[in-house]
Amino acid sequence: MDLKRFYSLNFLGKLLLSAMFVNAIPGKITNFGTQAQYLVNRGFPESLSNVMLFAAIILLISGSALLIFSERTKLGCYLLLVFLVPTTIIFHLVPFQFEAIRNLSLIGGLLIAIDRSSLNYLNASSNLESKEIEYSDLNEDN
């Protein structure tokens, strides 16, 4: 495990981006019944609300963990977007609430993280190609 990446601005940015999601997890778990009832009050059937809440918890945990601790940043961001986009539309746009602005900012941050991880992948691929060329050059000299 490369510990240098934990001391980078990239890691700090991912940690801060995930803070809102990590903060939401304990309340959803400890107040599962209340949270499920809130979904029922919004018009969802009770059985579906339990499944939706369970899925939300899984998406939050796995997306946050992947975003913070793994090199699969894109997957983590996509999982968090699967949670965040419907949540924003269903609960914060009609009627409009301030939380919609916060969620739109988080969506923007996740999209930037996806784009940045794509650039890192492309840079890593080009570095691999250049190393292969250097290696083949060494073989030709022998």
Protein backbone atom coordinates (compact mmCIF):
# COMPACT_ATOMS: atom_id res chain seq x y z
CA MET A 1 0.00 0.00 0.00
CA ASP A 2 1.38 3.38 -1.05
CA LEU A 3 1.16 5.63 2.03
CA LYS A 4 2.35 8.70 0.12
CA ARG A 5 -1.08 9.10 -1.44
CA PHE A 6 -2.60 9.65 2.02
CA TYR A 7 -0.50 12.80 2.38
CA SER A 8 -1.64 14.45 -0.84
CA LEU A 9 -4.09 17.23 -1.65
CA ASN A 10 -5.97 14.73 -3.79
CA PHE A 11 -6.59 12.51 -0.75
CA LEU A 12 -7.58 15.51 1.38
CA GLY A 13 -10.02 16.64 -1.31
CA LYS A 14 -11.59 13.18 -1.54
CA LEU A 15 -11.83 13.00 2.26
CA LEU A 16 -13.57 16.37 2.47
CA LEU A 17 -15.86 15.56 -0.47
CA SER A 18 -16.99 12.36 1.22
CA ALA A 19 -17.53 13.98 4.64
CA MET A 20 -21.19 14.80 3.94
CA PHE A 21 -21.90 11.22 2.88
CA VAL A 22 -20.01 9.64 5.78
CA ASN A 23 -21.85 11.94 8.20
CA ALA A 24 -25.23 10.75 6.86
CA ILE A 25 -24.58 7.04 7.42
CA PRO A 26 -24.96 6.71 11.24
CA GLY A 27 -28.32 8.54 11.32
CA LYS A 28 -29.74 6.35 8.58
CA ILE A 29 -28.67 3.21 10.44
CA THR A 30 -29.62 4.19 14.00
CA ASN A 31 -32.92 5.82 12.98
CA PHE A 32 -33.84 3.31 10.29
CA GLY A 33 -37.53 3.21 11.24
CA THR A 34 -37.89 7.00 11.34
CA GLN A 35 -36.06 7.39 8.05
CA ALA A 36 -38.23 4.70 6.42
CA GLN A 37 -41.37 6.41 7.74
CA TYR A 38 -40.19 9.68 6.16
CA LEU A 39 -40.08 7.89 2.81
CA VAL A 40 -43.58 6.50 3.39
CA ASN A 41 -44.78 10.05 4.17
CA ARG A 42 -43.32 11.15 0.82
CA GLY A 43 -45.60 8.65 -0.94
CA PHE A 44 -43.49 5.51 -1.25
CA PRO A 45 -44.95 2.14 -0.21
CA GLU A 46 -43.63 0.88 3.12
CA SER A 47 -41.96 -2.23 1.68
CA LEU A 48 -40.25 -0.15 -1.03
CA SER A 49 -39.14 2.49 1.48
CA ASN A 50 -37.26 -0.13 3.51
CA VAL A 51 -35.50 -1.41 0.38
CA MET A 52 -34.69 2.15 -0.76
CA LEU A 53 -33.24 3.05 2.63
CA PHE A 54 -31.18 -0.15 2.79
CA ALA A 55 -29.87 0.54 -0.74
CA ALA A 56 -29.04 4.13 0.24
CA ILE A 57 -27.00 2.92 3.22
CA ILE A 58 -25.10 0.41 1.05
CA LEU A 59 -24.43 3.07 -1.62
CA LEU A 60 -23.22 5.57 0.98
CA ILE A 61 -20.91 3.11 2.74
CA SER A 62 -19.42 1.52 -0.36
CA GLY A 63 -19.19 4.75 -2.36
CA SER A 64 -17.51 6.64 0.48
CA ALA A 65 -15.06 3.82 1.21
CA LEU A 66 -14.10 3.48 -2.45
CA LEU A 67 -13.74 7.24 -2.84
CA ILE A 68 -11.53 7.67 0.22
CA PHE A 69 -9.45 4.52 0.48
CA SER A 70 -9.23 2.82 -2.90
CA GLU A 71 -7.91 3.57 -6.31
CA ARG A 72 -11.39 2.97 -7.73
CA THR A 73 -12.40 6.60 -7.30
CA LYS A 74 -14.64 6.57 -10.36
CA LEU A 75 -16.71 3.66 -9.08
CA GLY A 76 -17.07 5.29 -5.66
CA CYS A 77 -18.20 8.55 -7.25
CA TYR A 78 -20.70 6.76 -9.49
CA LEU A 79 -22.18 4.93 -6.49
CA LEU A 80 -22.54 8.20 -4.59
CA LEU A 81 -24.15 9.81 -7.64
CA VAL A 82 -26.66 6.94 -7.86
CA PHE A 83 -27.63 7.88 -4.30
CA LEU A 84 -27.43 11.66 -4.60
CA VAL A 85 -29.15 12.49 -7.89
CA PRO A 86 -32.50 10.80 -7.12
CA THR A 87 -32.35 12.06 -3.52
CA THR A 88 -31.95 15.61 -4.76
CA ILE A 89 -34.77 15.32 -7.28
CA ILE A 90 -37.24 13.52 -4.99
CA PHE A 91 -36.66 15.36 -1.73
CA HIS A 92 -35.16 18.78 -2.41
CA LEU A 93 -36.30 20.17 -5.76
CA VAL A 94 -40.09 20.12 -5.29
CA PRO A 95 -40.69 22.11 -3.19
CA PHE A 96 -37.31 23.78 -3.58
CA GLN A 97 -35.10 23.57 -0.48
CA PHE A 98 -31.63 24.97 0.22
CA GLU A 99 -30.33 21.41 0.44
CA ALA A 100 -30.77 21.20 -3.35
CA ILE A 101 -27.95 23.76 -3.78
CA ARG A 102 -25.72 21.79 -1.40
CA ASN A 103 -26.46 18.57 -3.28
CA LEU A 104 -25.82 20.20 -6.66
CA SER A 105 -22.42 21.31 -5.32
CA LEU A 106 -21.67 17.76 -4.18
CA ILE A 107 -22.74 16.42 -7.59
CA GLY A 108 -20.31 18.89 -9.20
CA GLY A 109 -17.51 17.76 -6.89
CA LEU A 110 -18.16 14.10 -7.69
CA LEU A 111 -18.14 14.86 -11.43
CA ILE A 112 -14.80 16.66 -11.05
CA ALA A 113 -13.41 13.67 -9.12
CA ILE A 114 -14.56 11.34 -11.92
CA ASP A 115 -12.92 13.56 -14.52
CA ARG A 116 -9.74 13.85 -12.47
CA SER A 117 -9.49 10.09 -11.98
CA SER A 118 -9.87 9.65 -15.76
CA LEU A 119 -6.95 12.04 -16.29
CA ASN A 120 -4.86 10.15 -13.74
CA TYR A 121 -5.64 6.90 -15.56
CA LEU A 122 -4.62 8.39 -18.89
CA ASN A 123 -1.39 9.75 -17.41
CA ALA A 124 -0.60 6.38 -15.85
CA SER A 125 -1.21 4.67 -19.20
CA SER A 126 1.11 7.05 -21.03
CA ASN A 127 3.78 6.50 -18.35
CA LEU A 128 3.49 2.73 -18.86
CA GLU A 129 3.96 3.11 -22.60
CA SER A 130 7.04 5.29 -22.13
CA LYS A 131 8.51 2.72 -19.73
CA GLU A 132 7.94 -0.01 -22.29
CA ILE A 133 9.79 2.02 -24.91
CA GLU A 134 12.70 2.59 -22.54
CA TYR A 135 12.81 -1.12 -21.74
CA SER A 136 12.80 -2.07 -25.43
CA ASP A 137 15.57 0.43 -26.06
CA LEU A 138 17.67 -1.28 -23.40
CA ASN A 139 17.11 -4.67 -25.03
CA GLU A 140 18.22 -3.42 -28.45
CA ASP A 141 21.56 -2.19 -27.07
CA ASN A 142 22.43 -5.62 -25.70
